[in-house]
Amino acid sequence: MPIYAVQRQLPGITMTELAGAQKAAIDTSAHLTREGFPVKYIRSNYYPSDARCTCLFESPDAESVRRVNEEALLPFEKIEEVFDLNP
């Protein structure tokens, strides 16, 4: 299944807020999967030097990933398909 990266800027976010955002992504992905829109949250990377965050999701399409982020009220700038290269 394709992997999508969601890119966002999160200036001023605290670690507690970052954990809450991650939980929202996980919970909303699970909810939409139960509703028939399969989306799996994989992981996030946060870059504190410039407040960037990249979150990876597995989904058959970008629209389902967009829906997760919109319903979870998570801001984002871009969603694009990526190749997640694990050893």
PDB file of N, CA and C in Angstrom:
ATOM      1  N   MET A   1       0.850  -1.171   0.000  1.00  0.00           N
ATOM      2  CA  MET A   1       0.000   0.000   0.000  1.00  0.00           C
ATOM      3  C   MET A   1       0.898   1.237   0.000  1.00  0.00           C
ATOM      4  N   PRO A   2       0.510   2.299  -0.689  1.00  0.00           N
ATOM      5  CA  PRO A   2       1.334   3.509  -0.745  1.00  0.00           C
ATOM      6  C   PRO A   2       1.538   4.153   0.634  1.00  0.00           C
ATOM      7  N   ILE A   3       2.668   4.857   0.743  1.00  0.00           N
ATOM      8  CA  ILE A   3       3.000   5.622   1.940  1.00  0.00           C
ATOM      9  C   ILE A   3       2.949   7.099   1.568  1.00  0.00           C
ATOM     10  N   TYR A   4       2.355   7.896   2.444  1.00  0.00           N
ATOM     11  CA  TYR A   4       2.256   9.338   2.221  1.00  0.00           C
ATOM     12  C   TYR A   4       2.907  10.085   3.367  1.00  0.00           C
ATOM     13  N   ALA A   5       3.655  11.127   3.015  1.00  0.00           N
ATOM     14  CA  ALA A   5       4.273  12.009   4.006  1.00  0.00           C
ATOM     15  C   ALA A   5       3.439  13.276   4.093  1.00  0.00           C
ATOM     16  N   VAL A   6       3.136  13.652   5.314  1.00  0.00           N
ATOM     17  CA  VAL A   6       2.423  14.896   5.582  1.00  0.00           C
ATOM     18  C   VAL A   6       3.434  15.847   6.196  1.00  0.00           C
ATOM     19  N   GLN A   7       3.626  16.974   5.539  1.00  0.00           N
ATOM     20  CA  GLN A   7       4.586  17.958   6.018  1.00  0.00           C
ATOM     21  C   GLN A   7       3.845  19.113   6.673  1.00  0.00           C
ATOM     22  N   ARG A   8       4.359  19.518   7.832  1.00  0.00           N
ATOM     23  CA  ARG A   8       3.721  20.607   8.568  1.00  0.00           C
ATOM     24  C   ARG A   8       4.753  21.440   9.307  1.00  0.00           C
ATOM     25  N   GLN A   9       4.372  22.647   9.637  1.00  0.00           N
ATOM     26  CA  GLN A   9       5.165  23.547  10.473  1.00  0.00           C
ATOM     27  C   GLN A   9       4.424  23.680  11.800  1.00  0.00           C
ATOM     28  N   LEU A  10       5.147  23.493  12.886  1.00  0.00           N
ATOM     29  CA  LEU A  10       4.532  23.546  14.216  1.00  0.00           C
ATOM     30  C   LEU A  10       5.343  24.461  15.139  1.00  0.00           C
ATOM     31  N   PRO A  11       5.455  25.741  14.800  1.00  0.00           N
ATOM     32  CA  PRO A  11       6.245  26.643  15.647  1.00  0.00           C
ATOM     33  C   PRO A  11       5.633  26.791  17.042  1.00  0.00           C
ATOM     34  N   GLY A  12       6.491  26.745  18.038  1.00  0.00           N
ATOM     35  CA  GLY A  12       6.047  26.948  19.412  1.00  0.00           C
ATOM     36  C   GLY A  12       5.378  25.753  20.057  1.00  0.00           C
ATOM     37  N   ILE A  13       5.344  24.617  19.397  1.00  0.00           N
ATOM     38  CA  ILE A  13       4.662  23.452  19.965  1.00  0.00           C
ATOM     39  C   ILE A  13       5.503  22.865  21.105  1.00  0.00           C
ATOM     40  N   THR A  14       4.824  22.437  22.144  1.00  0.00           N
ATOM     41  CA  THR A  14       5.511  21.787  23.268  1.00  0.00           C
ATOM     42  C   THR A  14       5.521  20.277  23.036  1.00  0.00           C
ATOM     43  N   MET A  15       6.336  19.581  23.795  1.00  0.00           N
ATOM     44  CA  MET A  15       6.366  18.118  23.671  1.00  0.00           C
ATOM     45  C   MET A  15       5.008  17.506  24.046  1.00  0.00           C
ATOM     46  N   THR A  16       4.339  18.090  25.016  1.00  0.00           N
ATOM     47  CA  THR A  16       3.008  17.612  25.401  1.00  0.00           C
ATOM     48  C   THR A  16       2.018  17.803  24.253  1.00  0.00           C
ATOM     49  N   GLU A  17       2.069  18.955  23.610  1.00  0.00           N
ATOM     50  CA  GLU A  17       1.182  19.217  22.473  1.00  0.00           C
ATOM     51  C   GLU A  17       1.532  18.320  21.286  1.00  0.00           C
ATOM     52  N   LEU A  18       2.819  18.074  21.101  1.00  0.00           N
ATOM     53  CA  LEU A  18       3.258  17.193  20.022  1.00  0.00           C
ATOM     54  C   LEU A  18       2.732  15.772  20.244  1.00  0.00           C
ATOM     55  N   ALA A  19       2.793  15.306  21.485  1.00  0.00           N
ATOM     56  CA  ALA A  19       2.252  13.983  21.816  1.00  0.00           C
ATOM     57  C   ALA A  19       0.737  13.954  21.586  1.00  0.00           C
ATOM     58  N   GLY A  20       0.058  15.038  21.913  1.00  0.00           N
ATOM     59  CA  GLY A  20      -1.389  15.115  21.680  1.00  0.00           C
ATOM     60  C   GLY A  20      -1.727  15.087  20.201  1.00  0.00           C
ATOM     61  N   ALA A  21      -0.916  15.759  19.391  1.00  0.00           N
ATOM     62  CA  ALA A  21      -1.131  15.748  17.938  1.00  0.00           C
ATOM     63  C   ALA A  21      -0.924  14.350  17.382  1.00  0.00           C
ATOM     64  N   GLN A  22       0.096  13.665  17.880  1.00  0.00           N
ATOM     65  CA  GLN A  22       0.345  12.290  17.437  1.00  0.00           C
ATOM     66  C   GLN A  22      -0.831  11.389  17.812  1.00  0.00           C
ATOM     67  N   LYS A  23      -1.331  11.530  19.026  1.00  0.00           N
ATOM     68  CA  LYS A  23      -2.478  10.734  19.466  1.00  0.00           C
ATOM     69  C   LYS A  23      -3.705  11.020  18.591  1.00  0.00           C
ATOM     70  N   ALA A  24      -3.912  12.283  18.243  1.00  0.00           N
ATOM     71  CA  ALA A  24      -5.046  12.638  17.384  1.00  0.00           C
ATOM     72  C   ALA A  24      -4.913  11.973  16.017  1.00  0.00           C
ATOM     73  N   ALA A  25      -3.702  11.940  15.470  1.00  0.00           N
ATOM     74  CA  ALA A  25      -3.476  11.290  14.168  1.00  0.00           C
ATOM     75  C   ALA A  25      -3.745   9.793  14.257  1.00  0.00           C
ATOM     76  N   ILE A  26      -3.273   9.177  15.320  1.00  0.00           N
ATOM     77  CA  ILE A  26      -3.479   7.735  15.516  1.00  0.00           C
ATOM     78  C   ILE A  26      -4.962   7.421  15.692  1.00  0.00           C
ATOM     79  N   ASP A  27      -5.620   8.144  16.582  1.00  0.00           N
ATOM     80  CA  ASP A  27      -7.031   7.885  16.869  1.00  0.00           C
ATOM     81  C   ASP A  27      -7.921   8.141  15.658  1.00  0.00           C
ATOM     82  N   THR A  28      -7.665   9.229  14.944  1.00  0.00           N
ATOM     83  CA  THR A  28      -8.486   9.555  13.777  1.00  0.00           C
ATOM     84  C   THR A  28      -8.251   8.550  12.655  1.00  0.00           C
ATOM     85  N   SER A  29      -7.008   8.090  12.491  1.00  0.00           N
ATOM     86  CA  SER A  29      -6.730   7.049  11.495  1.00  0.00           C
ATOM     87  C   SER A  29      -7.514   5.777  11.810  1.00  0.00           C
ATOM     88  N   ALA A  30      -7.522   5.384  13.062  1.00  0.00           N
ATOM     89  CA  ALA A  30      -8.253   4.184  13.473  1.00  0.00           C
ATOM     90  C   ALA A  30      -9.759   4.355  13.240  1.00  0.00           C
ATOM     91  N   HIS A  31     -10.271   5.540  13.571  1.00  0.00           N
ATOM     92  CA  HIS A  31     -11.702   5.808  13.383  1.00  0.00           C
ATOM     93  C   HIS A  31     -12.078   5.723  11.895  1.00  0.00           C
ATOM     94  N   LEU A  32     -11.295   6.369  11.033  1.00  0.00           N
ATOM     95  CA  LEU A  32     -11.620   6.346   9.611  1.00  0.00           C
ATOM     96  C   LEU A  32     -11.455   4.949   9.016  1.00  0.00           C
ATOM     97  N   THR A  33     -10.513   4.181   9.526  1.00  0.00           N
ATOM     98  CA  THR A  33     -10.360   2.803   9.064  1.00  0.00           C
ATOM     99  C   THR A  33     -11.619   2.007   9.385  1.00  0.00           C
ATOM    100  N   ARG A  34     -12.149   2.195  10.591  1.00  0.00           N
ATOM    101  CA  ARG A  34     -13.406   1.512  10.964  1.00  0.00           C
ATOM    102  C   ARG A  34     -14.565   1.965  10.085  1.00  0.00           C
ATOM    103  N   GLU A  35     -14.497   3.205   9.582  1.00  0.00           N
ATOM    104  CA  GLU A  35     -15.555   3.758   8.721  1.00  0.00           C
ATOM    105  C   GLU A  35     -15.386   3.323   7.254  1.00  0.00           C
ATOM    106  N   GLY A  36     -14.326   2.566   6.954  1.00  0.00           N
ATOM    107  CA  GLY A  36     -14.134   2.083   5.598  1.00  0.00           C
ATOM    108  C   GLY A  36     -13.101   2.836   4.783  1.00  0.00           C
ATOM    109  N   PHE A  37     -12.370   3.746   5.413  1.00  0.00           N
ATOM    110  CA  PHE A  37     -11.306   4.493   4.741  1.00  0.00           C
ATOM    111  C   PHE A  37      -9.986   4.088   5.387  1.00  0.00           C
ATOM    112  N   PRO A  38      -9.332   3.027   4.878  1.00  0.00           N
ATOM    113  CA  PRO A  38      -8.150   2.498   5.549  1.00  0.00           C
ATOM    114  C   PRO A  38      -6.962   3.458   5.523  1.00  0.00           C
ATOM    115  N   VAL A  39      -6.572   3.895   6.710  1.00  0.00           N
ATOM    116  CA  VAL A  39      -5.406   4.757   6.880  1.00  0.00           C
ATOM    117  C   VAL A  39      -4.686   4.271   8.129  1.00  0.00           C
ATOM    118  N   LYS A  40      -3.383   4.079   8.015  1.00  0.00           N
ATOM    119  CA  LYS A  40      -2.584   3.662   9.159  1.00  0.00           C
ATOM    120  C   LYS A  40      -1.511   4.710   9.429  1.00  0.00           C
ATOM    121  N   TYR A  41      -1.503   5.256  10.631  1.00  0.00           N
ATOM    122  CA  TYR A  41      -0.425   6.156  11.049  1.00  0.00           C
ATOM    123  C   TYR A  41       0.820   5.302  11.273  1.00  0.00           C
ATOM    124  N   ILE A  42       1.958   5.725  10.724  1.00  0.00           N
ATOM    125  CA  ILE A  42       3.199   4.969  10.880  1.00  0.00           C
ATOM    126  C   ILE A  42       4.103   5.591  11.929  1.00  0.00           C
ATOM    127  N   ARG A  43       4.493   6.850  11.713  1.00  0.00           N
ATOM    128  CA  ARG A  43       5.382   7.534  12.661  1.00  0.00           C
ATOM    129  C   ARG A  43       5.526   8.987  12.245  1.00  0.00           C
ATOM    130  N   SER A  44       6.150   9.755  13.142  1.00  0.00           N
ATOM    131  CA  SER A  44       6.430  11.163  12.871  1.00  0.00           C
ATOM    132  C   SER A  44       7.882  11.469  13.187  1.00  0.00           C
ATOM    133  N   ASN A  45       8.387  12.491  12.519  1.00  0.00           N
ATOM    134  CA  ASN A  45       9.696  13.055  12.823  1.00  0.00           C
ATOM    135  C   ASN A  45       9.507  14.546  13.031  1.00  0.00           C
ATOM    136  N   TYR A  46      10.032  15.051  14.137  1.00  0.00           N
ATOM    137  CA  TYR A  46       9.942  16.480  14.435  1.00  0.00           C
ATOM    138  C   TYR A  46      11.348  17.058  14.421  1.00  0.00           C
ATOM    139  N   TYR A  47      11.520  18.172  13.733  1.00  0.00           N
ATOM    140  CA  TYR A  47      12.813  18.830  13.593  1.00  0.00           C
ATOM    141  C   TYR A  47      12.784  20.119  14.413  1.00  0.00           C
ATOM    142  N   PRO A  48      13.277  20.096  15.650  1.00  0.00           N
ATOM    143  CA  PRO A  48      13.147  21.261  16.533  1.00  0.00           C
ATOM    144  C   PRO A  48      13.884  22.507  16.039  1.00  0.00           C
ATOM    145  N   SER A  49      14.911  22.334  15.221  1.00  0.00           N
ATOM    146  CA  SER A  49      15.665  23.510  14.775  1.00  0.00           C
ATOM    147  C   SER A  49      14.834  24.467  13.931  1.00  0.00           C
ATOM    148  N   ASP A  50      13.837  23.948  13.217  1.00  0.00           N
ATOM    149  CA  ASP A  50      12.986  24.836  12.415  1.00  0.00           C
ATOM    150  C   ASP A  50      11.496  24.501  12.539  1.00  0.00           C
ATOM    151  N   ALA A  51      11.126  23.718  13.541  1.00  0.00           N
ATOM    152  CA  ALA A  51       9.723  23.394  13.870  1.00  0.00           C
ATOM    153  C   ALA A  51       8.993  22.643  12.762  1.00  0.00           C
ATOM    154  N   ARG A  52       9.740  21.917  11.929  1.00  0.00           N
ATOM    155  CA  ARG A  52       9.115  21.080  10.895  1.00  0.00           C
ATOM    156  C   ARG A  52       8.738  19.742  11.477  1.00  0.00           C
ATOM    157  N   CYS A  53       7.676  19.171  10.907  1.00  0.00           N
ATOM    158  CA  CYS A  53       7.249  17.836  11.307  1.00  0.00           C
ATOM    159  C   CYS A  53       6.820  17.093  10.050  1.00  0.00           C
ATOM    160  N   THR A  54       7.242  15.841   9.955  1.00  0.00           N
ATOM    161  CA  THR A  54       6.822  14.978   8.864  1.00  0.00           C
ATOM    162  C   THR A  54       6.180  13.740   9.471  1.00  0.00           C
ATOM    163  N   CYS A  55       4.962  13.455   9.057  1.00  0.00           N
ATOM    164  CA  CYS A  55       4.229  12.289   9.552  1.00  0.00           C
ATOM    165  C   CYS A  55       3.979  11.341   8.381  1.00  0.00           C
ATOM    166  N   LEU A  56       4.194  10.057   8.621  1.00  0.00           N
ATOM    167  CA  LEU A  56       3.982   9.051   7.577  1.00  0.00           C
ATOM    168  C   LEU A  56       2.706   8.268   7.846  1.00  0.00           C
ATOM    169  N   PHE A  57       1.963   8.050   6.770  1.00  0.00           N
ATOM    170  CA  PHE A  57       0.719   7.289   6.818  1.00  0.00           C
ATOM    171  C   PHE A  57       0.715   6.284   5.680  1.00  0.00           C
ATOM    172  N   GLU A  58       0.103   5.143   5.921  1.00  0.00           N
ATOM    173  CA  GLU A  58      -0.120   4.147   4.875  1.00  0.00           C
ATOM    174  C   GLU A  58      -1.591   4.230   4.491  1.00  0.00           C
ATOM    175  N   SER A  59      -1.850   4.369   3.193  1.00  0.00           N
ATOM    176  CA  SER A  59      -3.230   4.531   2.734  1.00  0.00           C
ATOM    177  C   SER A  59      -3.291   4.269   1.232  1.00  0.00           C
ATOM    178  N   PRO A  60      -4.444   3.833   0.737  1.00  0.00           N
ATOM    179  CA  PRO A  60      -4.551   3.622  -0.706  1.00  0.00           C
ATOM    180  C   PRO A  60      -4.557   4.934  -1.499  1.00  0.00           C
ATOM    181  N   ASP A  61      -4.834   6.071  -0.822  1.00  0.00           N
ATOM    182  CA  ASP A  61      -4.897   7.338  -1.551  1.00  0.00           C
ATOM    183  C   ASP A  61      -4.609   8.526  -0.633  1.00  0.00           C
ATOM    184  N   ALA A  62      -4.164   9.609  -1.248  1.00  0.00           N
ATOM    185  CA  ALA A  62      -3.825  10.830  -0.511  1.00  0.00           C
ATOM    186  C   ALA A  62      -5.062  11.474   0.108  1.00  0.00           C
ATOM    187  N   GLU A  63      -6.213  11.321  -0.517  1.00  0.00           N
ATOM    188  CA  GLU A  63      -7.427  11.958  -0.002  1.00  0.00           C
ATOM    189  C   GLU A  63      -7.790  11.438   1.383  1.00  0.00           C
ATOM    190  N   SER A  64      -7.626  10.151   1.634  1.00  0.00           N
ATOM    191  CA  SER A  64      -7.905   9.606   2.966  1.00  0.00           C
ATOM    192  C   SER A  64      -6.931  10.165   3.993  1.00  0.00           C
ATOM    193  N   VAL A  65      -5.681  10.353   3.609  1.00  0.00           N
ATOM    194  CA  VAL A  65      -4.693  10.947   4.512  1.00  0.00           C
ATOM    195  C   VAL A  65      -5.065  12.397   4.808  1.00  0.00           C
ATOM    196  N   ARG A  66      -5.489  13.112   3.786  1.00  0.00           N
ATOM    197  CA  ARG A  66      -5.936  14.495   3.972  1.00  0.00           C
ATOM    198  C   ARG A  66      -7.114  14.536   4.956  1.00  0.00           C
ATOM    199  N   ARG A  67      -8.033  13.626   4.779  1.00  0.00           N
ATOM    200  CA  ARG A  67      -9.214  13.582   5.647  1.00  0.00           C
ATOM    201  C   ARG A  67      -8.827  13.338   7.104  1.00  0.00           C
ATOM    202  N   VAL A  68      -7.881  12.435   7.343  1.00  0.00           N
ATOM    203  CA  VAL A  68      -7.411  12.191   8.717  1.00  0.00           C
ATOM    204  C   VAL A  68      -6.910  13.477   9.341  1.00  0.00           C
ATOM    205  N   ASN A  69      -6.058  14.188   8.625  1.00  0.00           N
ATOM    206  CA  ASN A  69      -5.450  15.390   9.178  1.00  0.00           C
ATOM    207  C   ASN A  69      -6.454  16.515   9.367  1.00  0.00           C
ATOM    208  N   GLU A  70      -7.392  16.644   8.453  1.00  0.00           N
ATOM    209  CA  GLU A  70      -8.429  17.662   8.606  1.00  0.00           C
ATOM    210  C   GLU A  70      -9.342  17.343   9.785  1.00  0.00           C
ATOM    211  N   GLU A  71      -9.777  16.089   9.900  1.00  0.00           N
ATOM    212  CA  GLU A  71     -10.674  15.716  11.005  1.00  0.00           C
ATOM    213  C   GLU A  71      -9.966  15.765  12.356  1.00  0.00           C
ATOM    214  N   ALA A  72      -8.662  15.514  12.376  1.00  0.00           N
ATOM    215  CA  ALA A  72      -7.886  15.591  13.625  1.00  0.00           C
ATOM    216  C   ALA A  72      -7.494  17.034  13.949  1.00  0.00           C
ATOM    217  N   LEU A  73      -7.838  17.960  13.055  1.00  0.00           N
ATOM    218  CA  LEU A  73      -7.522  19.388  13.217  1.00  0.00           C
ATOM    219  C   LEU A  73      -6.015  19.633  13.289  1.00  0.00           C
ATOM    220  N   LEU A  74      -5.274  18.886  12.475  1.00  0.00           N
ATOM    221  CA  LEU A  74      -3.821  19.025  12.416  1.00  0.00           C
ATOM    222  C   LEU A  74      -3.452  19.844  11.176  1.00  0.00           C
ATOM    223  N   PRO A  75      -2.752  20.957  11.362  1.00  0.00           N
ATOM    224  CA  PRO A  75      -2.374  21.767  10.199  1.00  0.00           C
ATOM    225  C   PRO A  75      -1.356  21.032   9.337  1.00  0.00           C
ATOM    226  N   PHE A  76      -1.410  21.276   8.032  1.00  0.00           N
ATOM    227  CA  PHE A  76      -0.423  20.670   7.142  1.00  0.00           C
ATOM    228  C   PHE A  76      -0.240  21.554   5.927  1.00  0.00           C
ATOM    229  N   GLU A  77       0.926  21.418   5.321  1.00  0.00           N
ATOM    230  CA  GLU A  77       1.250  22.192   4.132  1.00  0.00           C
ATOM    231  C   GLU A  77       1.222  21.353   2.863  1.00  0.00           C
ATOM    232  N   LYS A  78       1.578  20.073   3.011  1.00  0.00           N
ATOM    233  CA  LYS A  78       1.730  19.244   1.828  1.00  0.00           C
ATOM    234  C   LYS A  78       1.540  17.778   2.181  1.00  0.00           C
ATOM    235  N   ILE A  79       0.933  17.046   1.254  1.00  0.00           N
ATOM    236  CA  ILE A  79       0.822  15.588   1.355  1.00  0.00           C
ATOM    237  C   ILE A  79       1.345  15.018   0.045  1.00  0.00           C
ATOM    238  N   GLU A  80       2.315  14.115   0.148  1.00  0.00           N
ATOM    239  CA  GLU A  80       2.840  13.523  -1.078  1.00  0.00           C
ATOM    240  C   GLU A  80       3.238  12.077  -0.843  1.00  0.00           C
ATOM    241  N   GLU A  81       3.140  11.283  -1.902  1.00  0.00           N
ATOM    242  CA  GLU A  81       3.546   9.889  -1.818  1.00  0.00           C
ATOM    243  C   GLU A  81       5.065   9.818  -1.706  1.00  0.00           C
ATOM    244  N   VAL A  82       5.541   8.911  -0.852  1.00  0.00           N
ATOM    245  CA  VAL A  82       6.979   8.728  -0.659  1.00  0.00           C
ATOM    246  C   VAL A  82       7.297   7.243  -0.645  1.00  0.00           C
ATOM    247  N   PHE A  83       8.573   6.930  -0.787  1.00  0.00           N
ATOM    248  CA  PHE A  83       9.063   5.573  -0.598  1.00  0.00           C
ATOM    249  C   PHE A  83       9.744   5.543   0.749  1.00  0.00           C
ATOM    250  N   ASP A  84       9.211   4.770   1.677  1.00  0.00           N
ATOM    251  CA  ASP A  84       9.769   4.623   3.025  1.00  0.00           C
ATOM    252  C   ASP A  84      10.759   3.468   2.988  1.00  0.00           C
ATOM    253  N   LEU A  85      12.034   3.786   3.020  1.00  0.00           N
ATOM    254  CA  LEU A  85      13.084   2.788   2.842  1.00  0.00           C
ATOM    255  C   LEU A  85      13.586   2.299   4.194  1.00  0.00           C
ATOM    256  N   ASN A  86      13.096   1.148   4.595  1.00  0.00           N
ATOM    257  CA  ASN A  86      13.536   0.531   5.842  1.00  0.00           C
ATOM    258  C   ASN A  86      14.492  -0.609   5.521  1.00  0.00           C
ATOM    259  N   PRO A  87      15.496  -0.803   6.383  1.00  0.00           N
ATOM    260  CA  PRO A  87      16.444  -1.895   6.110  1.00  0.00           C
ATOM    261  C   PRO A  87      15.792  -3.258   6.261  1.00  0.00           C
TER     262      PRO A  87
END
